[in-house]
């Protein structure tokens, strides 16, 4: 279940949307329940339903 794996994401962490790599790297703003707010380089602020999308952590 994606929500369980997204639960480790914390504000300040960087992620990528697996179905939208063109959005670029995103920084997690908040992770509350099944809603993760991410500010993406090329798409701006998006609210992700973590029951449907597994965000991929980005490590520099």
N, C-alpha and C. Protein backbone atom coordinates (compact mmCIF):
# COMPACT_ATOMS: atom_id res chain seq x y z
N UNK A 1 0.85 -1.20 0.00
CA UNK A 1 0.00 0.00 0.00
C UNK A 1 0.88 1.25 0.00
N UNK A 2 0.73 2.14 -0.96
CA UNK A 2 1.60 3.30 -1.07
C UNK A 2 1.65 4.18 0.17
N UNK A 3 0.51 4.37 0.86
CA UNK A 3 0.48 5.27 2.00
C UNK A 3 1.52 4.88 3.05
N UNK A 4 1.70 3.60 3.30
CA UNK A 4 2.66 3.15 4.30
C UNK A 4 4.08 3.58 3.94
N UNK A 5 4.43 3.50 2.66
CA UNK A 5 5.78 3.89 2.24
C UNK A 5 5.94 5.41 2.18
N UNK A 6 4.87 6.13 1.88
CA UNK A 6 4.94 7.60 1.86
C UNK A 6 4.98 8.18 3.28
N UNK A 7 4.60 7.40 4.28
CA UNK A 7 4.52 7.90 5.65
C UNK A 7 5.87 8.39 6.16
N UNK A 8 6.97 7.88 5.60
CA UNK A 8 8.30 8.29 6.05
C UNK A 8 8.72 9.65 5.51
N UNK A 9 7.97 10.20 4.55
CA UNK A 9 8.33 11.49 3.96
C UNK A 9 8.05 12.61 4.94
N UNK A 10 9.04 13.48 5.12
CA UNK A 10 8.90 14.59 6.07
C UNK A 10 9.14 15.91 5.35
N UNK A 11 8.60 17.02 5.89
CA UNK A 11 8.85 18.32 5.28
C UNK A 11 10.34 18.57 5.11
N UNK A 12 10.68 19.10 3.94
CA UNK A 12 12.08 19.38 3.63
C UNK A 12 12.72 18.32 2.76
N UNK A 13 12.15 17.11 2.75
CA UNK A 13 12.70 16.04 1.92
C UNK A 13 12.37 16.30 0.46
N UNK A 14 13.21 15.78 -0.44
CA UNK A 14 12.98 15.93 -1.87
C UNK A 14 12.47 14.63 -2.46
N UNK A 15 11.53 14.76 -3.41
CA UNK A 15 10.88 13.61 -4.02
C UNK A 15 10.70 13.84 -5.51
N UNK A 16 10.33 12.77 -6.20
CA UNK A 16 9.96 12.87 -7.61
C UNK A 16 8.64 12.11 -7.79
N UNK A 17 7.78 12.63 -8.65
CA UNK A 17 6.52 11.96 -8.97
C UNK A 17 6.81 10.92 -10.05
N UNK A 18 6.53 9.63 -9.79
CA UNK A 18 6.92 8.59 -10.75
C UNK A 18 6.22 8.67 -12.10
N UNK A 19 5.00 9.20 -12.14
CA UNK A 19 4.28 9.32 -13.41
C UNK A 19 4.44 10.69 -14.07
N UNK A 20 5.17 11.59 -13.42
CA UNK A 20 5.35 12.94 -13.99
C UNK A 20 6.78 13.43 -13.75
N UNK A 21 7.77 12.75 -14.34
CA UNK A 21 9.16 13.19 -14.13
C UNK A 21 9.43 14.60 -14.65
N UNK A 22 8.60 15.06 -15.60
CA UNK A 22 8.78 16.41 -16.14
C UNK A 22 8.49 17.49 -15.10
N UNK A 23 7.83 17.13 -14.00
CA UNK A 23 7.57 18.09 -12.92
C UNK A 23 8.87 18.47 -12.21
N UNK A 24 9.90 17.66 -12.37
CA UNK A 24 11.18 17.92 -11.71
C UNK A 24 11.14 17.48 -10.26
N UNK A 25 12.16 17.89 -9.56
CA UNK A 25 12.29 17.55 -8.15
C UNK A 25 11.30 18.36 -7.34
N UNK A 26 10.72 17.74 -6.32
CA UNK A 26 9.78 18.44 -5.46
C UNK A 26 10.22 18.38 -4.01
N UNK A 27 9.89 19.42 -3.27
CA UNK A 27 10.20 19.45 -1.84
C UNK A 27 8.91 19.28 -1.06
N UNK A 28 8.91 18.31 -0.15
CA UNK A 28 7.74 18.04 0.67
C UNK A 28 7.49 19.24 1.60
N UNK A 29 6.26 19.76 1.57
CA UNK A 29 5.86 20.86 2.44
C UNK A 29 5.17 20.35 3.70
N UNK A 30 4.31 19.32 3.52
CA UNK A 30 3.62 18.71 4.66
C UNK A 30 3.18 17.30 4.28
N UNK A 31 2.97 16.48 5.29
CA UNK A 31 2.52 15.11 5.11
C UNK A 31 1.54 14.81 6.23
N UNK A 32 0.25 14.99 5.93
CA UNK A 32 -0.79 14.85 6.94
C UNK A 32 -1.81 13.82 6.46
N UNK A 33 -1.92 12.73 7.19
CA UNK A 33 -2.83 11.67 6.77
C UNK A 33 -2.38 11.12 5.44
N UNK A 34 -3.27 11.09 4.48
CA UNK A 34 -2.94 10.57 3.14
C UNK A 34 -2.70 11.70 2.14
N UNK A 35 -2.46 12.92 2.66
CA UNK A 35 -2.27 14.08 1.77
C UNK A 35 -0.87 14.65 1.96
N UNK A 36 -0.10 14.63 0.88
CA UNK A 36 1.26 15.16 0.91
C UNK A 36 1.31 16.38 0.00
N UNK A 37 1.66 17.51 0.56
CA UNK A 37 1.82 18.73 -0.24
C UNK A 37 3.28 18.85 -0.65
N UNK A 38 3.49 18.98 -1.96
CA UNK A 38 4.85 19.03 -2.51
C UNK A 38 4.95 20.23 -3.44
N UNK A 39 6.05 20.97 -3.34
CA UNK A 39 6.32 22.08 -4.24
C UNK A 39 7.33 21.60 -5.29
N UNK A 40 6.85 21.37 -6.53
CA UNK A 40 7.69 20.86 -7.61
C UNK A 40 8.33 22.00 -8.40
N UNK A 41 9.54 21.75 -8.91
CA UNK A 41 10.30 22.75 -9.67
C UNK A 41 9.52 23.30 -10.86
N UNK A 42 8.86 22.42 -11.61
CA UNK A 42 8.23 22.84 -12.86
C UNK A 42 6.71 22.73 -12.85
N UNK A 43 6.11 22.42 -11.70
CA UNK A 43 4.65 22.26 -11.62
C UNK A 43 4.06 23.03 -10.44
N UNK A 44 4.92 23.57 -9.59
CA UNK A 44 4.42 24.31 -8.44
C UNK A 44 3.88 23.39 -7.35
N UNK A 45 3.06 23.96 -6.49
CA UNK A 45 2.56 23.23 -5.33
C UNK A 45 1.43 22.28 -5.74
N UNK A 46 1.57 21.02 -5.35
CA UNK A 46 0.58 19.98 -5.66
C UNK A 46 0.27 19.20 -4.39
N UNK A 47 -0.98 18.80 -4.25
CA UNK A 47 -1.38 17.93 -3.14
C UNK A 47 -1.53 16.52 -3.71
N UNK A 48 -0.75 15.60 -3.17
CA UNK A 48 -0.69 14.23 -3.66
C UNK A 48 -1.48 13.32 -2.72
N UNK A 49 -2.34 12.48 -3.30
CA UNK A 49 -3.07 11.46 -2.54
C UNK A 49 -2.16 10.26 -2.39
N UNK A 50 -1.62 10.07 -1.18
CA UNK A 50 -0.62 9.03 -0.99
C UNK A 50 -1.20 7.62 -0.97
N UNK A 51 -2.52 7.51 -1.05
CA UNK A 51 -3.10 6.17 -1.19
C UNK A 51 -3.03 5.71 -2.65
N UNK A 52 -2.76 6.64 -3.58
CA UNK A 52 -2.74 6.33 -5.01
C UNK A 52 -1.36 6.46 -5.65
N UNK A 53 -0.51 7.35 -5.10
CA UNK A 53 0.78 7.64 -5.71
C UNK A 53 1.89 7.38 -4.70
N UNK A 54 2.91 6.63 -5.12
CA UNK A 54 4.10 6.41 -4.29
C UNK A 54 5.18 7.37 -4.78
N UNK A 55 5.44 8.41 -4.00
CA UNK A 55 6.48 9.37 -4.37
C UNK A 55 7.84 8.73 -4.14
N UNK A 56 8.78 9.09 -5.00
CA UNK A 56 10.13 8.52 -4.93
C UNK A 56 11.08 9.50 -4.27
N UNK A 57 11.69 9.11 -3.14
CA UNK A 57 12.65 10.00 -2.48
C UNK A 57 13.84 10.28 -3.41
N UNK A 58 14.35 11.52 -3.36
CA UNK A 58 15.51 11.91 -4.15
C UNK A 58 16.63 12.23 -3.17
N UNK A 59 17.75 11.56 -3.35
CA UNK A 59 18.91 11.80 -2.50
C UNK A 59 20.03 12.36 -3.36
N UNK A 60 20.57 13.51 -2.95
CA UNK A 60 21.67 14.12 -3.72
C UNK A 60 22.99 13.50 -3.33
